Full PDB file with SEQRES, HELIX, SHEET, SSBOND, CRYST1, ORIGX, SCALE, CONECT and MASTER records, all heavy atoms in Angstrom:
SEQRES   1 A   40  ASP PHE TYR LEU SER LYS TYR ASN ASP ASP PRO LEU ASN          
SEQRES   2 A   40  ASP ASN PHE ASP SER ASP LYS ASP GLU PHE TRP LEU VAL          
SEQRES   3 A   40  MET ASP THR ASP ARG HIS ALA ASP LEU ILE HIS ASP VAL          
SEQRES   4 A   40  ILE                                                          
HELIX    1 AA1 PHE A    2  ASP A    9  1                                   8    
HELIX    2 AA2 ALA A   33  VAL A   39  1                                   7    
CRYST1    1.000    1.000    1.000  90.00  90.00  90.00 P 1           1          
ORIGX1      1.000000  0.000000  0.000000        0.00000                         
ORIGX2      0.000000  1.000000  0.000000        0.00000                         
ORIGX3      0.000000  0.000000  1.000000        0.00000                         
SCALE1      1.000000  0.000000  0.000000        0.00000                         
SCALE2      0.000000  1.000000  0.000000        0.00000                         
SCALE3      0.000000  0.000000  1.000000        0.00000                         
ATOM      1  N   ASP A   1      17.570 -14.936  14.469  1.00  0.00           N  
ATOM      2  CA  ASP A   1      16.094 -15.219  14.519  1.00  0.00           C  
ATOM      3  C   ASP A   1      15.730 -15.745  15.832  1.00  0.00           C  
ATOM      4  O   ASP A   1      14.667 -15.455  16.425  1.00  0.00           O  
ATOM      5  CB  ASP A   1      15.739 -16.144  13.399  1.00  0.00           C  
ATOM      6  CG  ASP A   1      15.785 -15.402  12.029  1.00  0.00           C  
ATOM      7  OD1 ASP A   1      15.648 -14.250  11.960  1.00  0.00           O  
ATOM      8  OD2 ASP A   1      15.973 -16.174  11.067  1.00  0.00           O  
ATOM      9  N   PHE A   2      16.534 -16.714  16.397  1.00  0.00           N  
ATOM     10  CA  PHE A   2      16.238 -17.338  17.622  1.00  0.00           C  
ATOM     11  C   PHE A   2      16.183 -16.342  18.749  1.00  0.00           C  
ATOM     12  O   PHE A   2      15.246 -16.320  19.556  1.00  0.00           O  
ATOM     13  CB  PHE A   2      17.243 -18.452  17.885  1.00  0.00           C  
ATOM     14  CG  PHE A   2      17.170 -19.015  19.276  1.00  0.00           C  
ATOM     15  CD1 PHE A   2      16.229 -19.975  19.659  1.00  0.00           C  
ATOM     16  CD2 PHE A   2      18.051 -18.605  20.259  1.00  0.00           C  
ATOM     17  CE1 PHE A   2      16.102 -20.489  20.907  1.00  0.00           C  
ATOM     18  CE2 PHE A   2      17.977 -19.093  21.538  1.00  0.00           C  
ATOM     19  CZ  PHE A   2      17.000 -20.003  21.920  1.00  0.00           C  
ATOM     20  N   TYR A   3      17.202 -15.500  18.853  1.00  0.00           N  
ATOM     21  CA  TYR A   3      17.346 -14.643  20.007  1.00  0.00           C  
ATOM     22  C   TYR A   3      16.311 -13.459  19.859  1.00  0.00           C  
ATOM     23  O   TYR A   3      15.740 -12.950  20.935  1.00  0.00           O  
ATOM     24  CB  TYR A   3      18.796 -14.027  20.154  1.00  0.00           C  
ATOM     25  CG  TYR A   3      19.680 -15.048  20.753  1.00  0.00           C  
ATOM     26  CD1 TYR A   3      20.667 -15.693  19.966  1.00  0.00           C  
ATOM     27  CD2 TYR A   3      19.550 -15.389  22.111  1.00  0.00           C  
ATOM     28  CE1 TYR A   3      21.538 -16.679  20.563  1.00  0.00           C  
ATOM     29  CE2 TYR A   3      20.422 -16.322  22.685  1.00  0.00           C  
ATOM     30  CZ  TYR A   3      21.381 -16.932  21.899  1.00  0.00           C  
ATOM     31  OH  TYR A   3      22.194 -17.905  22.507  1.00  0.00           O  
ATOM     32  N   LEU A   4      16.047 -12.999  18.691  1.00  0.00           N  
ATOM     33  CA  LEU A   4      15.011 -11.959  18.568  1.00  0.00           C  
ATOM     34  C   LEU A   4      13.654 -12.459  19.015  1.00  0.00           C  
ATOM     35  O   LEU A   4      12.944 -11.777  19.772  1.00  0.00           O  
ATOM     36  CB  LEU A   4      14.924 -11.446  17.136  1.00  0.00           C  
ATOM     37  CG  LEU A   4      13.986 -10.321  16.885  1.00  0.00           C  
ATOM     38  CD1 LEU A   4      14.398  -9.084  17.664  1.00  0.00           C  
ATOM     39  CD2 LEU A   4      13.973  -9.954  15.354  1.00  0.00           C  
ATOM     40  N   SER A   5      13.287 -13.683  18.720  1.00  0.00           N  
ATOM     41  CA  SER A   5      12.132 -14.325  19.163  1.00  0.00           C  
ATOM     42  C   SER A   5      12.112 -14.540  20.649  1.00  0.00           C  
ATOM     43  O   SER A   5      11.156 -14.266  21.328  1.00  0.00           O  
ATOM     44  CB  SER A   5      11.886 -15.599  18.390  1.00  0.00           C  
ATOM     45  OG  SER A   5      10.721 -16.308  18.942  1.00  0.00           O  
ATOM     46  N   LYS A   6      13.237 -14.899  21.135  1.00  0.00           N  
ATOM     47  CA  LYS A   6      13.426 -15.209  22.575  1.00  0.00           C  
ATOM     48  C   LYS A   6      13.225 -13.933  23.402  1.00  0.00           C  
ATOM     49  O   LYS A   6      12.531 -13.951  24.462  1.00  0.00           O  
ATOM     50  CB  LYS A   6      14.787 -15.766  22.883  1.00  0.00           C  
ATOM     51  CG  LYS A   6      15.047 -16.213  24.333  1.00  0.00           C  
ATOM     52  CD  LYS A   6      16.415 -16.781  24.469  1.00  0.00           C  
ATOM     53  CE  LYS A   6      16.764 -17.256  25.884  1.00  0.00           C  
ATOM     54  NZ  LYS A   6      15.896 -18.400  26.294  1.00  0.00           N  
ATOM     55  N   TYR A   7      13.788 -12.792  23.016  1.00  0.00           N  
ATOM     56  CA  TYR A   7      13.660 -11.558  23.733  1.00  0.00           C  
ATOM     57  C   TYR A   7      12.264 -10.926  23.574  1.00  0.00           C  
ATOM     58  O   TYR A   7      11.805 -10.186  24.400  1.00  0.00           O  
ATOM     59  CB  TYR A   7      14.712 -10.528  23.281  1.00  0.00           C  
ATOM     60  CG  TYR A   7      16.031 -10.775  23.945  1.00  0.00           C  
ATOM     61  CD1 TYR A   7      16.935 -11.726  23.501  1.00  0.00           C  
ATOM     62  CD2 TYR A   7      16.418 -10.018  25.072  1.00  0.00           C  
ATOM     63  CE1 TYR A   7      18.123 -11.925  24.167  1.00  0.00           C  
ATOM     64  CE2 TYR A   7      17.577 -10.216  25.645  1.00  0.00           C  
ATOM     65  CZ  TYR A   7      18.480 -11.122  25.244  1.00  0.00           C  
ATOM     66  OH  TYR A   7      19.649 -11.333  25.915  1.00  0.00           O  
ATOM     67  N   ASN A   8      11.598 -11.329  22.513  1.00  0.00           N  
ATOM     68  CA  ASN A   8      10.202 -10.801  22.341  1.00  0.00           C  
ATOM     69  C   ASN A   8       9.161 -11.618  23.120  1.00  0.00           C  
ATOM     70  O   ASN A   8       8.158 -11.055  23.567  1.00  0.00           O  
ATOM     71  CB  ASN A   8       9.776 -10.822  20.884  1.00  0.00           C  
ATOM     72  CG  ASN A   8      10.454  -9.655  20.096  1.00  0.00           C  
ATOM     73  OD1 ASN A   8      10.724  -8.539  20.691  1.00  0.00           O  
ATOM     74  ND2 ASN A   8      10.673  -9.873  18.804  1.00  0.00           N  
ATOM     75  N   ASP A   9       9.460 -12.943  23.330  1.00  0.00           N  
ATOM     76  CA  ASP A   9       8.463 -13.785  23.891  1.00  0.00           C  
ATOM     77  C   ASP A   9       8.684 -14.305  25.287  1.00  0.00           C  
ATOM     78  O   ASP A   9       7.781 -14.749  25.967  1.00  0.00           O  
ATOM     79  CB  ASP A   9       8.320 -15.020  22.955  1.00  0.00           C  
ATOM     80  CG  ASP A   9       7.906 -14.672  21.562  1.00  0.00           C  
ATOM     81  OD1 ASP A   9       7.324 -13.601  21.384  1.00  0.00           O  
ATOM     82  OD2 ASP A   9       8.216 -15.457  20.638  1.00  0.00           O  
ATOM     83  N   ASP A  10       9.961 -14.234  25.778  1.00  0.00           N  
ATOM     84  CA  ASP A  10      10.260 -14.822  27.025  1.00  0.00           C  
ATOM     85  C   ASP A  10      10.294 -13.696  28.107  1.00  0.00           C  
ATOM     86  O   ASP A  10      11.147 -12.812  28.119  1.00  0.00           O  
ATOM     87  CB  ASP A  10      11.671 -15.456  26.992  1.00  0.00           C  
ATOM     88  CG  ASP A  10      12.005 -16.269  28.252  1.00  0.00           C  
ATOM     89  OD1 ASP A  10      11.326 -16.038  29.283  1.00  0.00           O  
ATOM     90  OD2 ASP A  10      12.936 -17.107  28.237  1.00  0.00           O  
ATOM     91  N   PRO A  11       9.355 -13.786  29.089  1.00  0.00           N  
ATOM     92  CA  PRO A  11       9.290 -12.709  30.123  1.00  0.00           C  
ATOM     93  C   PRO A  11      10.486 -12.727  31.008  1.00  0.00           C  
ATOM     94  O   PRO A  11      10.661 -11.684  31.788  1.00  0.00           O  
ATOM     95  CB  PRO A  11       7.926 -13.097  30.879  1.00  0.00           C  
ATOM     96  CG  PRO A  11       7.820 -14.542  30.662  1.00  0.00           C  
ATOM     97  CD  PRO A  11       8.294 -14.851  29.281  1.00  0.00           C  
ATOM     98  N   LEU A  12      11.315 -13.733  31.030  1.00  0.00           N  
ATOM     99  CA  LEU A  12      12.471 -13.776  31.906  1.00  0.00           C  
ATOM    100  C   LEU A  12      13.623 -12.942  31.303  1.00  0.00           C  
ATOM    101  O   LEU A  12      14.658 -12.654  31.955  1.00  0.00           O  
ATOM    102  CB  LEU A  12      12.958 -15.227  32.078  1.00  0.00           C  
ATOM    103  CG  LEU A  12      12.011 -16.120  32.824  1.00  0.00           C  
ATOM    104  CD1 LEU A  12      12.514 -17.500  33.034  1.00  0.00           C  
ATOM    105  CD2 LEU A  12      11.598 -15.491  34.251  1.00  0.00           C  
ATOM    106  N   ASN A  13      13.532 -12.556  30.007  1.00  0.00           N  
ATOM    107  CA  ASN A  13      14.536 -11.758  29.322  1.00  0.00           C  
ATOM    108  C   ASN A  13      14.265 -10.300  29.366  1.00  0.00           C  
ATOM    109  O   ASN A  13      13.046  -9.927  29.533  1.00  0.00           O  
ATOM    110  CB  ASN A  13      14.764 -12.220  27.930  1.00  0.00           C  
ATOM    111  CG  ASN A  13      15.486 -13.503  27.811  1.00  0.00           C  
ATOM    112  OD1 ASN A  13      16.704 -13.551  28.087  1.00  0.00           O  
ATOM    113  ND2 ASN A  13      14.901 -14.607  27.394  1.00  0.00           N  
ATOM    114  N   ASP A  14      15.163  -9.392  29.146  1.00  0.00           N  
ATOM    115  CA  ASP A  14      14.842  -8.039  28.903  1.00  0.00           C  
ATOM    116  C   ASP A  14      13.960  -7.918  27.653  1.00  0.00           C  
ATOM    117  O   ASP A  14      14.219  -8.582  26.662  1.00  0.00           O  
ATOM    118  CB  ASP A  14      16.166  -7.236  28.717  1.00  0.00           C  
ATOM    119  CG  ASP A  14      16.972  -7.136  29.980  1.00  0.00           C  
ATOM    120  OD1 ASP A  14      16.427  -6.749  30.998  1.00  0.00           O  
ATOM    121  OD2 ASP A  14      18.210  -7.473  29.886  1.00  0.00           O  
ATOM    122  N   ASN A  15      13.006  -7.057  27.742  1.00  0.00           N  
ATOM    123  CA  ASN A  15      12.196  -6.924  26.592  1.00  0.00           C  
ATOM    124  C   ASN A  15      12.933  -6.112  25.522  1.00  0.00           C  
ATOM    125  O   ASN A  15      13.576  -5.077  25.901  1.00  0.00           O  
ATOM    126  CB  ASN A  15      10.899  -6.171  26.911  1.00  0.00           C  
ATOM    127  CG  ASN A  15       9.876  -7.121  27.670  1.00  0.00           C  
ATOM    128  OD1 ASN A  15       9.859  -8.330  27.471  1.00  0.00           O  
ATOM    129  ND2 ASN A  15       9.165  -6.486  28.571  1.00  0.00           N  
ATOM    130  N   PHE A  16      12.836  -6.442  24.246  1.00  0.00           N  
ATOM    131  CA  PHE A  16      13.504  -5.753  23.180  1.00  0.00           C  
ATOM    132  C   PHE A  16      12.524  -4.726  22.640  1.00  0.00           C  
ATOM    133  O   PHE A  16      11.439  -5.029  22.167  1.00  0.00           O  
ATOM    134  CB  PHE A  16      13.960  -6.694  22.121  1.00  0.00           C  
ATOM    135  CG  PHE A  16      14.588  -5.947  20.926  1.00  0.00           C  
ATOM    136  CD1 PHE A  16      15.895  -5.554  21.003  1.00  0.00           C  
ATOM    137  CD2 PHE A  16      13.884  -5.634  19.768  1.00  0.00           C  
ATOM    138  CE1 PHE A  16      16.538  -4.857  19.981  1.00  0.00           C  
ATOM    139  CE2 PHE A  16      14.468  -4.985  18.680  1.00  0.00           C  
ATOM    140  CZ  PHE A  16      15.783  -4.612  18.844  1.00  0.00           C  
ATOM    141  N   ASP A  17      12.882  -3.407  22.765  1.00  0.00           N  
ATOM    142  CA  ASP A  17      12.062  -2.358  22.251  1.00  0.00           C  
ATOM    143  C   ASP A  17      12.692  -1.807  21.001  1.00  0.00           C  
ATOM    144  O   ASP A  17      13.741  -1.139  20.987  1.00  0.00           O  
ATOM    145  CB  ASP A  17      11.964  -1.285  23.300  1.00  0.00           C  
ATOM    146  CG  ASP A  17      11.060  -0.118  22.891  1.00  0.00           C  
ATOM    147  OD1 ASP A  17      10.673  -0.028  21.657  1.00  0.00           O  
ATOM    148  OD2 ASP A  17      10.720   0.720  23.754  1.00  0.00           O  
ATOM    149  N   SER A  18      12.087  -2.061  19.867  1.00  0.00           N  
ATOM    150  CA  SER A  18      12.640  -1.709  18.518  1.00  0.00           C  
ATOM    151  C   SER A  18      12.768  -0.183  18.420  1.00  0.00           C  
ATOM    152  O   SER A  18      13.425   0.297  17.460  1.00  0.00           O  
ATOM    153  CB  SER A  18      11.876  -2.310  17.407  1.00  0.00           C  
ATOM    154  OG  SER A  18      10.530  -1.883  17.434  1.00  0.00           O  
ATOM    155  N   ASP A  19      12.058   0.575  19.124  1.00  0.00           N  
ATOM    156  CA  ASP A  19      12.086   2.045  19.112  1.00  0.00           C  
ATOM    157  C   ASP A  19      13.370   2.594  19.704  1.00  0.00           C  
ATOM    158  O   ASP A  19      13.749   3.739  19.351  1.00  0.00           O  
ATOM    159  CB  ASP A  19      10.832   2.614  19.747  1.00  0.00           C  
ATOM    160  CG  ASP A  19       9.613   2.461  18.976  1.00  0.00           C  
ATOM    161  OD1 ASP A  19       9.666   2.284  17.712  1.00  0.00           O  
ATOM    162  OD2 ASP A  19       8.498   2.339  19.613  1.00  0.00           O  
ATOM    163  N   LYS A  20      13.980   1.906  20.617  1.00  0.00           N  
ATOM    164  CA  LYS A  20      15.155   2.498  21.300  1.00  0.00           C  
ATOM    165  C   LYS A  20      16.352   1.472  21.374  1.00  0.00           C  
ATOM    166  O   LYS A  20      17.456   1.903  21.617  1.00  0.00           O  
ATOM    167  CB  LYS A  20      14.861   2.903  22.719  1.00  0.00           C  
ATOM    168  CG  LYS A  20      14.541   1.824  23.752  1.00  0.00           C  
ATOM    169  CD  LYS A  20      14.315   2.411  25.115  1.00  0.00           C  
ATOM    170  CE  LYS A  20      14.112   1.297  26.156  1.00  0.00           C  
ATOM    171  NZ  LYS A  20      15.337   0.541  26.421  1.00  0.00           N  
ATOM    172  N   ASP A  21      16.076   0.166  21.266  1.00  0.00           N  
ATOM    173  CA  ASP A  21      17.140  -0.823  21.375  1.00  0.00           C  
ATOM    174  C   ASP A  21      17.763  -1.145  20.077  1.00  0.00           C  
ATOM    175  O   ASP A  21      17.247  -0.747  19.005  1.00  0.00           O  
ATOM    176  CB  ASP A  21      16.607  -2.084  22.051  1.00  0.00           C  
ATOM    177  CG  ASP A  21      16.032  -1.817  23.450  1.00  0.00           C  
ATOM    178  OD1 ASP A  21      16.648  -0.876  24.127  1.00  0.00           O  
ATOM    179  OD2 ASP A  21      15.181  -2.547  23.961  1.00  0.00           O  
ATOM    180  N   GLU A  22      18.839  -1.851  20.098  1.00  0.00           N  
ATOM    181  CA  GLU A  22      19.633  -2.164  18.928  1.00  0.00           C  
ATOM    182  C   GLU A  22      19.849  -3.686  18.791  1.00  0.00           C  
ATOM    183  O   GLU A  22      20.243  -4.375  19.714  1.00  0.00           O  
ATOM    184  CB  GLU A  22      21.027  -1.467  18.938  1.00  0.00           C  
ATOM    185  CG  GLU A  22      20.955   0.026  19.040  1.00  0.00           C  
ATOM    186  CD  GLU A  22      20.726   0.666  17.704  1.00  0.00           C  
ATOM    187  OE1 GLU A  22      20.945  -0.047  16.618  1.00  0.00           O  
ATOM    188  OE2 GLU A  22      20.346   1.861  17.627  1.00  0.00           O  
ATOM    189  N   PHE A  23      19.733  -4.126  17.508  1.00  0.00           N  
ATOM    190  CA  PHE A  23      19.920  -5.604  17.280  1.00  0.00           C  
ATOM    191  C   PHE A  23      20.831  -5.671  16.072  1.00  0.00           C  
ATOM    192  O   PHE A  23      20.568  -5.251  14.980  1.00  0.00           O  
ATOM    193  CB  PHE A  23      18.636  -6.314  16.954  1.00  0.00           C  
ATOM    194  CG  PHE A  23      18.690  -7.758  17.085  1.00  0.00           C  
ATOM    195  CD1 PHE A  23      18.010  -8.476  18.112  1.00  0.00           C  
ATOM    196  CD2 PHE A  23      19.456  -8.543  16.131  1.00  0.00           C  
ATOM    197  CE1 PHE A  23      18.102  -9.805  18.190  1.00  0.00           C  
ATOM    198  CE2 PHE A  23      19.479  -9.929  16.206  1.00  0.00           C  
ATOM    199  CZ  PHE A  23      18.785 -10.568  17.244  1.00  0.00           C  
ATOM    200  N   TRP A  24      22.059  -6.280  16.320  1.00  0.00           N  
ATOM    201  CA  TRP A  24      23.083  -6.292  15.257  1.00  0.00           C  
ATOM    202  C   TRP A  24      23.703  -7.594  14.996  1.00  0.00           C  
ATOM    203  O   TRP A  24      23.834  -8.481  15.943  1.00  0.00           O  
ATOM    204  CB  TRP A  24      24.261  -5.338  15.698  1.00  0.00           C  
ATOM    205  CG  TRP A  24      23.973  -3.899  15.583  1.00  0.00           C  
ATOM    206  CD1 TRP A  24      23.202  -3.112  16.459  1.00  0.00           C  
ATOM    207  CD2 TRP A  24      24.376  -3.021  14.542  1.00  0.00           C  
ATOM    208  NE1 TRP A  24      23.094  -1.837  15.983  1.00  0.00           N  
ATOM    209  CE2 TRP A  24      23.858  -1.758  14.872  1.00  0.00           C  
ATOM    210  CE3 TRP A  24      25.098  -3.162  13.424  1.00  0.00           C  
ATOM    211  CZ2 TRP A  24      24.055  -0.648  14.052  1.00  0.00           C  
ATOM    212  CZ3 TRP A  24      25.368  -2.053  12.595  1.00  0.00           C  
ATOM    213  CH2 TRP A  24      24.845  -0.797  12.937  1.00  0.00           C  
ATOM    214  N   LEU A  25      24.027  -7.900  13.757  1.00  0.00           N  
ATOM    215  CA  LEU A  25      24.710  -9.066  13.334  1.00  0.00           C  
ATOM    216  C   LEU A  25      26.180  -8.611  12.954  1.00  0.00           C  
ATOM    217  O   LEU A  25      26.333  -7.691  12.154  1.00  0.00           O  
ATOM    218  CB  LEU A  25      24.072  -9.760  12.082  1.00  0.00           C  
ATOM    219  CG  LEU A  25      22.822 -10.610  12.420  1.00  0.00           C  
ATOM    220  CD1 LEU A  25      21.686  -9.807  12.947  1.00  0.00           C  
ATOM    221  CD2 LEU A  25      22.440 -11.342  11.096  1.00  0.00           C  
ATOM    222  N   VAL A  26      27.179  -9.272  13.519  1.00  0.00           N  
ATOM    223  CA  VAL A  26      28.619  -8.889  13.192  1.00  0.00           C  
ATOM    224  C   VAL A  26      29.196 -10.082  12.448  1.00  0.00           C  
ATOM    225  O   VAL A  26      29.296 -11.163  12.999  1.00  0.00           O  
ATOM    226  CB  VAL A  26      29.303  -8.584  14.516  1.00  0.00           C  
ATOM    227  CG1 VAL A  26      30.774  -8.412  14.260  1.00  0.00           C  
ATOM    228  CG2 VAL A  26      28.676  -7.402  15.223  1.00  0.00           C  
ATOM    229  N   MET A  27      29.674  -9.822  11.239  1.00  0.00           N  
ATOM    230  CA  MET A  27      30.078 -10.875  10.321  1.00  0.00           C  
ATOM    231  C   MET A  27      31.421 -10.549   9.629  1.00  0.00           C  
ATOM    232  O   MET A  27      31.849  -9.379   9.634  1.00  0.00           O  
ATOM    233  CB  MET A  27      29.056 -11.147   9.269  1.00  0.00           C  
ATOM    234  CG  MET A  27      27.673 -11.579   9.749  1.00  0.00           C  
ATOM    235  SD  MET A  27      26.422 -11.668   8.512  1.00  0.00           S  
ATOM    236  CE  MET A  27      26.184  -9.996   8.130  1.00  0.00           C  
ATOM    237  N   ASP A  28      32.088 -11.580   9.186  1.00  0.00           N  
ATOM    238  CA  ASP A  28      33.288 -11.433   8.376  1.00  0.00           C  
ATOM    239  C   ASP A  28      33.072 -11.931   6.955  1.00  0.00           C  
ATOM    240  O   ASP A  28      32.109 -12.688   6.683  1.00  0.00           O  
ATOM    241  CB  ASP A  28      34.422 -12.297   9.040  1.00  0.00           C  
ATOM    242  CG  ASP A  28      34.689 -11.894  10.487  1.00  0.00           C  
ATOM    243  OD1 ASP A  28      34.382 -10.742  10.835  1.00  0.00           O  
ATOM    244  OD2 ASP A  28      35.176 -12.707  11.215  1.00  0.00           O  
ATOM    245  N   THR A  29      34.017 -11.643   6.038  1.00  0.00           N  
ATOM    246  CA  THR A  29      33.926 -12.115   4.671  1.00  0.00           C  
ATOM    247  C   THR A  29      34.939 -13.259   4.449  1.00  0.00           C  
ATOM    248  O   THR A  29      35.000 -13.804   3.291  1.00  0.00           O  
ATOM    249  CB  THR A  29      34.175 -11.030   3.704  1.00  0.00           C  
ATOM    250  OG1 THR A  29      35.539 -10.610   3.788  1.00  0.00           O  
ATOM    251  CG2 THR A  29      33.299  -9.847   3.894  1.00  0.00           C  
ATOM    252  N   ASP A  30      35.757 -13.640   5.386  1.00  0.00           N  
ATOM    253  CA  ASP A  30      36.900 -14.476   5.119  1.00  0.00           C  
ATOM    254  C   ASP A  30      36.593 -15.822   4.480  1.00  0.00           C  
ATOM    255  O   ASP A  30      37.337 -16.226   3.697  1.00  0.00           O  
ATOM    256  CB  ASP A  30      37.767 -14.613   6.392  1.00  0.00           C  
ATOM    257  CG  ASP A  30      37.016 -15.229   7.550  1.00  0.00           C  
ATOM    258  OD1 ASP A  30      35.756 -15.161   7.552  1.00  0.00           O  
ATOM    259  OD2 ASP A  30      37.698 -15.795   8.412  1.00  0.00           O  
ATOM    260  N   ARG A  31      35.557 -16.477   4.909  1.00  0.00           N  
ATOM    261  CA  ARG A  31      35.271 -17.821   4.432  1.00  0.00           C  
ATOM    262  C   ARG A  31      33.973 -17.968   3.710  1.00  0.00           C  
ATOM    263  O   ARG A  31      33.815 -18.947   2.930  1.00  0.00           O  
ATOM    264  CB  ARG A  31      35.347 -18.804   5.632  1.00  0.00           C  
ATOM    265  CG  ARG A  31      36.749 -19.090   6.140  1.00  0.00           C  
ATOM    266  CD  ARG A  31      36.769 -19.873   7.397  1.00  0.00           C  
ATOM    267  NE  ARG A  31      36.052 -19.190   8.540  1.00  0.00           N  
ATOM    268  CZ  ARG A  31      35.794 -19.831   9.691  1.00  0.00           C  
ATOM    269  NH1 ARG A  31      36.170 -21.058   9.899  1.00  0.00           N  
ATOM    270  NH2 ARG A  31      35.227 -19.102  10.607  1.00  0.00           N  
ATOM    271  N   HIS A  32      32.997 -17.155   4.055  1.00  0.00           N  
ATOM    272  CA  HIS A  32      31.653 -17.407   3.476  1.00  0.00           C  
ATOM    273  C   HIS A  32      31.033 -16.095   2.902  1.00  0.00           C  
ATOM    274  O   HIS A  32      29.843 -15.808   3.108  1.00  0.00           O  
ATOM    275  CB  HIS A  32      30.787 -17.887   4.636  1.00  0.00           C  
ATOM    276  CG  HIS A  32      31.318 -19.149   5.291  1.00  0.00           C  
ATOM    277  ND1 HIS A  32      31.241 -20.354   4.661  1.00  0.00           N  
ATOM    278  CD2 HIS A  32      31.961 -19.350   6.464  1.00  0.00           C  
ATOM    279  CE1 HIS A  32      31.832 -21.308   5.517  1.00  0.00           C  
ATOM    280  NE2 HIS A  32      32.245 -20.638   6.560  1.00  0.00           N  
ATOM    281  N   ALA A  33      31.842 -15.329   2.153  1.00  0.00           N  
ATOM    282  CA  ALA A  33      31.307 -14.061   1.603  1.00  0.00           C  
ATOM    283  C   ALA A  33      30.080 -14.311   0.730  1.00  0.00           C  
ATOM    284  O   ALA A  33      29.236 -13.423   0.606  1.00  0.00           O  
ATOM    285  CB  ALA A  33      32.388 -13.370   0.798  1.00  0.00           C  
ATOM    286  N   ASP A  34      30.049 -15.487   0.060  1.00  0.00           N  
ATOM    287  CA  ASP A  34      28.907 -15.741  -0.810  1.00  0.00           C  
ATOM    288  C   ASP A  34      27.579 -15.894  -0.098  1.00  0.00           C  
ATOM    289  O   ASP A  34      26.491 -15.774  -0.711  1.00  0.00           O  
ATOM    290  CB  ASP A  34      29.156 -17.032  -1.549  1.00  0.00           C  
ATOM    291  CG  ASP A  34      29.432 -18.271  -0.703  1.00  0.00           C  
ATOM    292  OD1 ASP A  34      30.184 -18.095   0.308  1.00  0.00           O  
ATOM    293  OD2 ASP A  34      28.885 -19.358  -0.922  1.00  0.00           O  
ATOM    294  N   LEU A  35      27.632 -16.141   1.198  1.00  0.00           N  
ATOM    295  CA  LEU A  35      26.408 -16.295   2.024  1.00  0.00           C  
ATOM    296  C   LEU A  35      25.861 -14.914   2.603  1.00  0.00           C  
ATOM    297  O   LEU A  35      24.769 -14.875   3.109  1.00  0.00           O  
ATOM    298  CB  LEU A  35      26.634 -17.281   3.107  1.00  0.00           C  
ATOM    299  CG  LEU A  35      27.035 -18.720   2.717  1.00  0.00           C  
ATOM    300  CD1 LEU A  35      27.328 -19.542   3.916  1.00  0.00           C  
ATOM    301  CD2 LEU A  35      25.897 -19.341   1.896  1.00  0.00           C  
ATOM    302  N   ILE A  36      26.692 -13.888   2.500  1.00  0.00           N  
ATOM    303  CA  ILE A  36      26.317 -12.706   3.188  1.00  0.00           C  
ATOM    304  C   ILE A  36      25.135 -12.025   2.509  1.00  0.00           C  
ATOM    305  O   ILE A  36      24.355 -11.313   3.166  1.00  0.00           O  
ATOM    306  CB  ILE A  36      27.572 -11.714   3.277  1.00  0.00           C  
ATOM    307  CG1 ILE A  36      28.565 -12.282   4.293  1.00  0.00           C  
ATOM    308  CG2 ILE A  36      27.159 -10.320   3.654  1.00  0.00           C  
ATOM    309  CD1 ILE A  36      29.771 -11.433   4.441  1.00  0.00           C  
ATOM    310  N   HIS A  37      25.089 -12.095   1.223  1.00  0.00           N  
ATOM    311  CA  HIS A  37      23.989 -11.460   0.456  1.00  0.00           C  
ATOM    312  C   HIS A  37      22.612 -11.859   1.021  1.00  0.00           C  
ATOM    313  O   HIS A  37      21.775 -10.980   1.210  1.00  0.00           O  
ATOM    314  CB  HIS A  37      24.022 -11.832  -0.965  1.00  0.00           C  
ATOM    315  CG  HIS A  37      22.812 -11.334  -1.790  1.00  0.00           C  
ATOM    316  ND1 HIS A  37      22.670 -10.081  -2.161  1.00  0.00           N  
ATOM    317  CD2 HIS A  37      21.703 -12.026  -2.220  1.00  0.00           C  
ATOM    318  CE1 HIS A  37      21.515  -9.907  -2.805  1.00  0.00           C  
ATOM    319  NE2 HIS A  37      20.978 -11.049  -2.853  1.00  0.00           N  
ATOM    320  N   ASP A  38      22.402 -13.153   1.293  1.00  0.00           N  
ATOM    321  CA  ASP A  38      21.084 -13.550   1.804  1.00  0.00           C  
ATOM    322  C   ASP A  38      20.799 -13.033   3.196  1.00  0.00           C  
ATOM    323  O   ASP A  38      19.673 -12.710   3.556  1.00  0.00           O  
ATOM    324  CB  ASP A  38      20.988 -15.091   1.865  1.00  0.00           C  
ATOM    325  CG  ASP A  38      20.986 -15.718   0.468  1.00  0.00           C  
ATOM    326  OD1 ASP A  38      20.557 -14.951  -0.497  1.00  0.00           O  
ATOM    327  OD2 ASP A  38      21.360 -16.896   0.289  1.00  0.00           O  
ATOM    328  N   VAL A  39      21.895 -12.931   4.016  1.00  0.00           N  
ATOM    329  CA  VAL A  39      21.746 -12.390   5.351  1.00  0.00           C  
ATOM    330  C   VAL A  39      21.399 -10.907   5.277  1.00  0.00           C  
ATOM    331  O   VAL A  39      20.460 -10.428   5.971  1.00  0.00           O  
ATOM    332  CB  VAL A  39      22.999 -12.567   6.139  1.00  0.00           C  
ATOM    333  CG1 VAL A  39      22.928 -11.881   7.536  1.00  0.00           C  
ATOM    334  CG2 VAL A  39      23.395 -14.059   6.270  1.00  0.00           C  
ATOM    335  N   ILE A  40      22.013 -10.131   4.417  1.00  0.00           N  
ATOM    336  CA  ILE A  40      21.691  -8.717   4.288  1.00  0.00           C  
ATOM    337  C   ILE A  40      20.249  -8.499   3.787  1.00  0.00           C  
ATOM    338  O   ILE A  40      19.534  -7.616   4.274  1.00  0.00           O  
ATOM    339  CB  ILE A  40      22.747  -8.026   3.360  1.00  0.00           C  
ATOM    340  CG1 ILE A  40      24.068  -7.975   4.023  1.00  0.00           C  
ATOM    341  CG2 ILE A  40      22.299  -6.648   3.011  1.00  0.00           C  
ATOM    342  CD1 ILE A  40      25.251  -7.497   3.180  1.00  0.00           C  
TER     343      ILE A  40                                                      
MASTER        0    0    0    2    0    0    0    6  342    1    0    4          
END                                                                             
């Protein structure tokens, strides 16, 4: 949430274009699988 807002609002960053760019979360299940549902 922080970085998506940063790339949308901060002119010093590359602008994020949702039509062509990609935003991904990379996660594991090893310790906190119960929390993944809310993230998805």
